[in-house]
Each structure stands twice: as structure tokens, then as C-alpha cells.
Amino acid sequence: LNMSSSVMNISEHLSCPLGFGHYNAVDICILETVVIVLLTFLIIAGNLTVIFVFHCAPLLHHYTTSYFIQTMAYADLFVGVSCLVPTLSLLHYSTGVHESLTCQVFGYIISVLKSVSMACLACISVDRYLAITKPLSYNQLVTPCRLRICIILIWIYSCLIFLPSFFGWGKPGYHGDIFEWCATSWLTNAYFTGFIVCLLYAPAAFVICFTYFHIFKICRQHTKEINDRRARFPSHEVDAAGETGHSPDRRYAMVLFRITSVFYVLWLPYIIYFLLESSRVLENPALSFLTTWLAISNSFCNCVIYSLSNSV
């Protein structure tokens, strides 16, 4: 009876978007709690593993993209740590200004961290584009110092772009809707959403599409040239040149392309719903919860893609 009353008390204080009846709402709240706790554990464990692997494998630091991959791993790790906030809120409920402040800070931090991941994916695509299009001057263009400056700028830009949400101009996302105040009192704004799309989502998507399109176009041309040379001069030297040519770059680009593709597949429903809800076209708490935590699950998916795509 005590446990039942505790669960009922939790369900009264939390925004349970998937519940349609009183007892059903209790069951859905428990289901949401399980989803959040499980994702929190997987995100923290997975990204700690990635960070540990980079720490124990110095050879991985020879890849310039390792700077961005490690930055993404740290950002995703902080996402998992931040997800402890709604997890703990299921047991300790706060009211008044504390809830609103916690909600705003939580939503802001998650939005900044995912912005860092999105910007890093765009920078990775640019890095691979330069490596394939300018192989002779690549080492002069991409230096460790410039990479560090780029990462610092990514963090600064991500922090600044969501800052207006603290001054009442819109809502950065639905990440805090586990709190009742976030779900009912903190409304989205079409202009702020358009601002985020124009300055973050759209530019990152355009850069990624442009670079990977040209990367695979160039790799396809190189493969065709190698096959033509093999047909003309079927010798061991040509085969060896073909094996050590651009195939590693193509495989490496494919791994990064998979990471980017999964990122946008998981985030696209969230972005679409974010736009529709901001425009007052659609408002569905269940979709809000599902699209939000589907997007956050990407923080764990990257670790799976690393292990499945590349044994190194």
C-alpha cells in the first residue's frame, strides 16, 4: 500500500503524456521511468567506454577526427549525467520557482550538448572533405591547434545560440517536459524555433549533405579510374596501388556517414514535431515524449556504431 501510494503521488506531480486514464497513467509513468533510467545508464556506460578506449589507445589520436569524436563522447556523457535530473525528480519532487529553474537549466544544458554533437558531425564531414579533396595540403590546413580552436568555438556558439530562452524568448526543446512546469507553463515560440533551425539545424544539415555528396562522388571516380587501370594493366603493382589508395578513406567516410545518418534519423522526428508544435499546428504530449527520448537515445547509438563499424 505504501508503494502504491508513492507511485500515485509521483504520477500526480509528473507530466505523464502517454497516460489516458488514472490507473493507466500510473502504469505509463512507471514505463517512462524505466525508459529514462535505462537510457541514462546506457548513455553513461557507453560513452565512458568510448572515452576509456581513446585514453588507452594512443594510436587513435593520430586521426584528426578523434578530436571531434572525443568531444562528442564527452558531450553525450554529460547528456547521460544530465538525464539523472529527471530520474531523481521521479523520487524527489520540487515545486514553485525551483521546479521552473531546474526545468530551464536542464532543457538548456541538454540543448547545448546536442548542439555540440551536431556541430561536431558537421566539422567531421568538413575534415573528411578536406582530407580527400586536398590530400597534399591537408596537414598544413588541419593542425591540432586549429582543431582545438574549432572545438572551443563550437562550445561557445552552442552556449550562445540557446541563451535567449532564459530571457523568455521561446523554449529550446522538450527535454525538460518530465517536469509539469515545462510541459504546461513553458511554451514554444515559432520565431525562436525558426531562429534555431536557421542558425543550427539547417546549416549543419546542408554542410553534411554537401560534403558527403562530394566525398562519395570523388571516391566513386577514383574507384572507376582504378578499375580502368586494372583493365588496361592487369599487374600486381596496379592492384597494390588500388588496395592502398582511397579505399581506407572511403571506409572511414562510410563509418562517419553511418554515425551522421543515424543522428539525423533519430533527431528528424523531434525537429519536425518541434516545428509543428511551435507553429501551433500539432500538440501531442505523447509524441513530445517519444520524439524527445528517441533523439536523446542517439547519445548511446554512436557507441554501438563505433563498435560495429570499425574494429579498431
Protein backbone atom coordinates (compact mmCIF):
# COMPACT_ATOMS: atom_id res chain seq x y z
CA LEU A 1 0.00 0.00 0.00
CA ASN A 2 2.85 2.37 0.78
CA MET A 3 4.49 1.66 -2.58
CA SER A 4 1.16 2.12 -4.37
CA SER A 5 0.57 5.46 -2.68
CA SER A 6 4.12 6.57 -3.55
CA VAL A 7 3.61 5.73 -7.21
CA MET A 8 0.27 7.56 -7.21
CA ASN A 9 1.97 10.57 -5.64
CA ILE A 10 4.69 10.51 -8.32
CA SER A 11 2.13 10.32 -11.12
CA GLU A 12 0.27 13.34 -9.74
CA HIS A 13 3.38 15.51 -9.79
CA LEU A 14 4.87 14.44 -13.10
CA SER A 15 3.84 15.16 -16.65
CA CYS A 16 2.84 11.71 -17.94
CA PRO A 17 1.94 12.39 -21.57
CA LEU A 18 1.12 8.82 -22.52
CA GLY A 19 -1.46 8.20 -19.80
CA PHE A 20 -5.15 8.34 -20.71
CA GLY A 21 -6.74 7.06 -17.52
CA HIS A 22 -5.97 7.36 -13.82
CA TYR A 23 -4.58 3.86 -13.33
CA ASN A 24 -3.23 3.73 -16.86
CA ALA A 25 -1.37 6.97 -16.14
CA VAL A 26 0.36 5.28 -13.18
CA ASP A 27 1.47 2.38 -15.41
CA ILE A 28 2.69 4.79 -18.10
CA CYS A 29 4.63 6.82 -15.53
CA ILE A 30 6.40 3.65 -14.43
CA LEU A 31 7.12 2.81 -18.08
CA GLU A 32 8.51 6.30 -18.70
CA THR A 33 10.66 5.99 -15.59
CA VAL A 34 12.08 2.67 -16.82
CA VAL A 35 12.83 4.18 -20.26
CA ILE A 36 14.60 7.21 -18.78
CA VAL A 37 16.61 5.19 -16.25
CA LEU A 38 17.64 2.63 -18.89
CA LEU A 39 18.72 5.31 -21.40
CA THR A 40 20.62 7.16 -18.68
CA PHE A 41 22.56 4.02 -17.77
CA LEU A 42 23.30 3.09 -21.41
CA ILE A 43 24.44 6.60 -22.37
CA ILE A 44 26.79 6.94 -19.39
CA ALA A 45 28.24 3.42 -19.70
CA GLY A 46 28.64 3.59 -23.49
CA ASN A 47 30.38 6.94 -23.61
CA LEU A 48 32.63 6.13 -20.66
CA THR A 49 33.73 3.11 -22.71
CA VAL A 50 34.49 5.29 -25.75
CA ILE A 51 36.49 7.75 -23.62
CA PHE A 52 38.34 4.86 -21.97
CA VAL A 53 39.23 3.33 -25.35
CA PHE A 54 40.65 6.63 -26.62
CA HIS A 55 42.62 7.03 -23.40
CA CYS A 56 44.14 3.54 -23.69
CA ALA A 57 44.78 3.61 -27.46
CA PRO A 58 47.23 6.43 -28.30
CA LEU A 59 47.25 5.42 -31.98
CA LEU A 60 43.66 6.65 -32.30
CA HIS A 61 44.89 10.18 -31.60
CA HIS A 62 46.67 10.19 -34.96
CA TYR A 63 43.28 10.65 -36.62
CA THR A 64 42.30 14.32 -36.68
CA THR A 65 38.64 13.36 -36.34
CA SER A 66 39.45 11.83 -32.95
CA TYR A 67 39.32 15.36 -31.50
CA PHE A 68 35.70 15.72 -32.59
CA ILE A 69 34.74 12.14 -31.71
CA GLN A 70 36.07 12.59 -28.18
CA THR A 71 34.25 15.92 -27.89
CA MET A 72 31.04 14.18 -28.94
CA ALA A 73 31.69 11.41 -26.41
CA TYR A 74 32.13 13.91 -23.58
CA ALA A 75 29.04 15.86 -24.68
CA ASP A 76 26.98 12.64 -24.83
CA LEU A 77 28.35 11.58 -21.45
CA PHE A 78 27.15 14.87 -19.96
CA VAL A 79 23.78 14.23 -21.62
CA GLY A 80 23.57 10.97 -19.68
CA VAL A 81 24.64 12.67 -16.44
CA SER A 82 22.05 15.41 -17.04
CA CYS A 83 19.37 12.76 -17.53
CA LEU A 84 19.88 11.88 -13.87
CA VAL A 85 17.91 15.07 -13.10
CA PRO A 86 14.52 13.81 -14.37
CA THR A 87 15.36 10.37 -12.96
CA LEU A 88 15.89 11.78 -9.48
CA SER A 89 12.88 14.07 -9.88
CA LEU A 90 10.70 10.97 -10.00
CA LEU A 91 11.58 10.42 -6.35
CA HIS A 92 12.08 14.00 -5.13
CA TYR A 93 9.53 16.46 -6.44
CA SER A 94 10.16 20.21 -6.05
CA THR A 95 7.62 22.98 -6.50
CA GLY A 96 7.50 26.67 -7.30
CA VAL A 97 10.46 28.56 -8.62
CA HIS A 98 12.85 25.68 -8.04
CA GLU A 99 11.00 23.47 -10.48
CA SER A 100 10.92 26.18 -13.16
CA LEU A 101 14.61 26.96 -12.71
CA THR A 102 15.57 23.27 -12.75
CA CYS A 103 13.45 22.77 -15.85
CA GLN A 104 15.02 25.72 -17.70
CA VAL A 105 18.59 24.80 -16.77
CA PHE A 106 18.04 21.14 -17.66
CA GLY A 107 16.48 21.96 -21.05
CA TYR A 108 19.23 24.49 -21.81
CA ILE A 109 22.09 22.14 -20.91
CA ILE A 110 20.71 19.22 -22.95
CA SER A 111 20.11 21.52 -25.94
CA VAL A 112 23.66 22.88 -25.76
CA LEU A 113 25.18 19.41 -25.50
CA LYS A 114 23.24 18.10 -28.51
CA SER A 115 24.16 21.24 -30.43
CA VAL A 116 27.81 20.40 -29.76
CA SER A 117 27.27 16.90 -31.15
CA MET A 118 25.54 18.26 -34.25
CA ALA A 119 28.29 20.83 -34.88
CA CYS A 120 30.98 18.17 -34.38
CA LEU A 121 29.33 15.95 -37.00
CA ALA A 122 29.39 18.88 -39.44
CA CYS A 123 33.07 19.56 -38.66
CA ILE A 124 33.92 15.87 -39.11
CA SER A 125 32.34 15.94 -42.57
CA VAL A 126 34.36 19.06 -43.47
CA ASP A 127 37.53 17.40 -42.15
CA ARG A 128 36.97 14.30 -44.31
CA TYR A 129 36.12 16.51 -47.30
CA LEU A 130 39.46 18.33 -46.95
CA ALA A 131 41.34 15.05 -46.45
CA ILE A 132 40.01 13.66 -49.75
CA THR A 133 39.93 16.82 -51.88
CA LYS A 134 43.23 18.31 -50.65
CA PRO A 135 45.41 15.39 -49.56
CA LEU A 136 48.72 17.16 -50.24
CA SER A 137 47.97 20.30 -48.24
CA TYR A 138 45.71 18.66 -45.63
CA ASN A 139 48.34 18.52 -42.87
CA GLN A 140 49.03 22.24 -43.30
CA LEU A 141 45.33 23.15 -43.30
CA VAL A 142 44.22 20.95 -40.39
CA THR A 143 46.53 21.31 -37.40
CA PRO A 144 45.98 20.31 -33.75
CA CYS A 145 45.93 23.98 -32.73
CA ARG A 146 43.22 24.83 -35.26
CA LEU A 147 41.22 21.79 -34.21
CA ARG A 148 41.28 22.88 -30.57
CA ILE A 149 40.22 26.41 -31.52
CA CYS A 150 37.39 24.96 -33.61
CA ILE A 151 36.15 22.85 -30.69
CA ILE A 152 36.24 25.86 -28.35
CA LEU A 153 34.23 27.89 -30.87
CA ILE A 154 31.70 25.04 -31.14
CA TRP A 155 31.10 25.13 -27.37
CA ILE A 156 30.85 28.93 -27.28
CA TYR A 157 28.46 29.03 -30.24
CA SER A 158 26.28 26.27 -28.78
CA CYS A 159 26.06 28.08 -25.44
CA LEU A 160 25.14 31.40 -27.03
CA ILE A 161 22.53 30.20 -29.53
CA PHE A 162 20.18 28.82 -26.83
CA LEU A 163 20.79 31.64 -24.34
CA PRO A 164 17.71 33.73 -25.42
CA SER A 165 15.45 31.01 -23.96
CA PHE A 166 16.44 32.25 -20.48
CA PHE A 167 15.04 35.69 -21.31
CA GLY A 168 11.57 34.44 -22.21
CA TRP A 169 12.08 34.06 -25.97
CA GLY A 170 10.86 30.56 -26.66
CA LYS A 171 11.77 27.12 -25.46
CA PRO A 172 14.92 25.28 -26.59
CA GLY A 173 13.28 21.85 -26.63
CA TYR A 174 11.14 19.31 -24.83
CA HIS A 175 13.91 17.74 -22.80
CA GLY A 176 12.50 19.10 -19.55
CA ASP A 177 8.88 18.09 -20.12
CA ILE A 178 9.17 15.39 -17.50
CA PHE A 179 8.52 18.35 -15.19
CA GLU A 180 4.95 19.61 -15.10
CA TRP A 181 6.02 23.26 -15.32
CA CYS A 182 7.96 22.58 -18.53
CA ALA A 183 5.01 20.83 -20.12
CA THR A 184 2.30 23.35 -19.20
CA SER A 185 3.88 26.75 -18.49
CA TRP A 186 6.94 26.94 -20.74
CA LEU A 187 5.63 27.35 -24.27
CA THR A 188 7.47 27.18 -27.57
CA ASN A 189 7.81 30.18 -29.85
CA ALA A 190 7.70 29.91 -33.64
CA TYR A 191 10.24 32.71 -34.10
CA PHE A 192 12.73 31.20 -31.66
CA THR A 193 12.30 27.78 -33.25
CA GLY A 194 12.91 29.29 -36.69
CA PHE A 195 15.96 31.05 -35.24
CA ILE A 196 17.39 27.73 -34.02
CA VAL A 197 16.61 25.96 -37.30
CA CYS A 198 18.22 28.68 -39.42
CA LEU A 199 21.35 29.03 -37.30
CA LEU A 200 21.93 25.42 -36.26
CA TYR A 201 19.87 22.59 -37.77
CA ALA A 202 19.73 23.77 -41.38
CA PRO A 203 23.41 24.88 -41.76
CA ALA A 204 24.68 21.65 -40.16
CA ALA A 205 22.47 19.50 -42.39
CA PHE A 206 23.48 21.44 -45.51
CA VAL A 207 27.22 21.16 -44.75
CA ILE A 208 26.91 17.42 -44.08
CA CYS A 209 24.90 16.75 -47.25
CA PHE A 210 27.27 18.85 -49.39
CA THR A 211 30.50 17.32 -48.08
CA TYR A 212 29.42 13.67 -48.07
CA PHE A 213 27.89 14.01 -51.53
CA HIS A 214 31.23 15.20 -52.90
CA ILE A 215 33.22 12.71 -50.80
CA PHE A 216 31.39 9.70 -52.24
CA LYS A 217 31.39 11.26 -55.71
CA ILE A 218 35.17 11.60 -55.61
CA CYS A 219 35.63 8.12 -54.15
CA ARG A 220 33.44 6.69 -56.90
CA GLN A 221 35.54 8.47 -59.54
CA HIS A 222 38.76 7.13 -58.01
CA THR A 223 37.32 3.60 -57.90
CA LYS A 224 36.34 3.87 -61.56
CA GLU A 225 39.83 5.11 -62.52
CA ILE A 226 41.46 2.25 -60.60
CA ASN A 227 39.20 -0.31 -62.29
CA ASP A 228 40.05 1.18 -65.68
CA ARG A 229 43.77 0.89 -64.93
CA ARG A 230 43.34 -2.69 -63.79
CA ALA A 231 41.59 -3.47 -67.07
CA ARG A 232 44.40 -1.89 -69.09
CA PHE A 233 47.36 -3.02 -66.99
CA PRO A 234 46.42 -6.14 -65.01
CA SER A 235 49.59 -6.14 -62.93
CA HIS A 236 50.37 -6.61 -59.28
CA GLU A 237 51.57 -3.01 -58.93
CA VAL A 238 48.25 -1.57 -60.02
CA ASP A 239 46.34 -3.91 -57.70
CA ALA A 240 48.56 -2.89 -54.82
CA ALA A 241 48.03 0.78 -55.64
CA GLY A 242 44.31 0.23 -55.78
CA GLU A 243 44.29 -1.54 -52.42
CA THR A 244 46.27 1.20 -50.70
CA GLY A 245 44.61 4.10 -52.45
CA HIS A 246 41.36 5.71 -51.40
CA SER A 247 39.57 2.60 -50.11
CA PRO A 248 40.58 3.30 -46.45
CA ASP A 249 39.31 6.86 -46.82
CA ARG A 250 36.09 5.55 -48.28
CA ARG A 251 35.62 3.03 -45.47
CA TYR A 252 36.39 5.68 -42.87
CA ALA A 253 33.95 8.08 -44.54
CA MET A 254 31.30 5.34 -44.54
CA VAL A 255 31.64 4.83 -40.77
CA LEU A 256 31.26 8.56 -40.15
CA PHE A 257 28.40 8.73 -42.64
CA ARG A 258 26.55 6.00 -40.72
CA ILE A 259 27.01 7.94 -37.49
CA THR A 260 25.67 11.09 -39.14
CA SER A 261 22.76 9.27 -40.78
CA VAL A 262 21.64 7.63 -37.54
CA PHE A 263 21.90 11.00 -35.80
CA TYR A 264 19.52 12.67 -38.24
CA VAL A 265 17.17 9.67 -38.44
CA LEU A 266 16.71 9.80 -34.66
CA TRP A 267 16.56 13.60 -34.50
CA LEU A 268 14.36 14.28 -37.53
CA PRO A 269 11.04 13.30 -35.82
CA TYR A 270 11.97 15.56 -32.90
CA ILE A 271 12.82 18.52 -35.16
CA ILE A 272 9.64 18.08 -37.23
CA TYR A 273 7.44 17.90 -34.13
CA PHE A 274 9.30 20.86 -32.62
CA LEU A 275 8.46 22.93 -35.72
CA LEU A 276 4.82 21.80 -35.84
CA GLU A 277 4.20 22.42 -32.16
CA SER A 278 5.89 25.82 -32.28
CA SER A 279 3.59 26.79 -35.15
CA ARG A 280 0.56 25.56 -33.14
CA VAL A 281 -0.22 23.03 -35.88
CA LEU A 282 0.15 19.94 -33.67
CA GLU A 283 0.28 19.43 -29.93
CA ASN A 284 0.55 15.89 -28.62
CA PRO A 285 2.25 15.15 -25.26
CA ALA A 286 2.81 11.51 -26.21
CA LEU A 287 4.66 12.49 -29.40
CA SER A 288 6.62 15.05 -27.41
CA PHE A 289 7.87 12.40 -25.01
CA LEU A 290 8.60 9.77 -27.66
CA THR A 291 10.44 12.08 -30.09
CA THR A 292 12.44 13.68 -27.27
CA TRP A 293 13.79 10.47 -25.79
CA LEU A 294 14.26 8.92 -29.22
CA ALA A 295 16.56 11.84 -30.02
CA ILE A 296 18.38 11.56 -26.69
CA SER A 297 18.94 7.83 -27.34
CA ASN A 298 21.34 8.87 -30.10
CA SER A 299 23.89 9.59 -27.38
CA PHE A 300 24.15 5.83 -26.89
CA CYS A 301 23.76 4.78 -30.54
CA ASN A 302 27.08 6.39 -31.52
CA CYS A 303 28.92 3.94 -29.24
CA VAL A 304 27.20 0.99 -30.93
CA ILE A 305 28.06 2.27 -34.42
CA TYR A 306 31.74 2.67 -33.45
CA SER A 307 31.98 -0.92 -32.29
CA LEU A 308 30.02 -2.44 -35.19
CA SER A 309 31.61 -0.38 -37.98
CA ASN A 310 35.27 -0.39 -37.06
CA SER A 311 37.14 -3.00 -35.05
CA VAL A 312 39.96 -0.51 -34.36
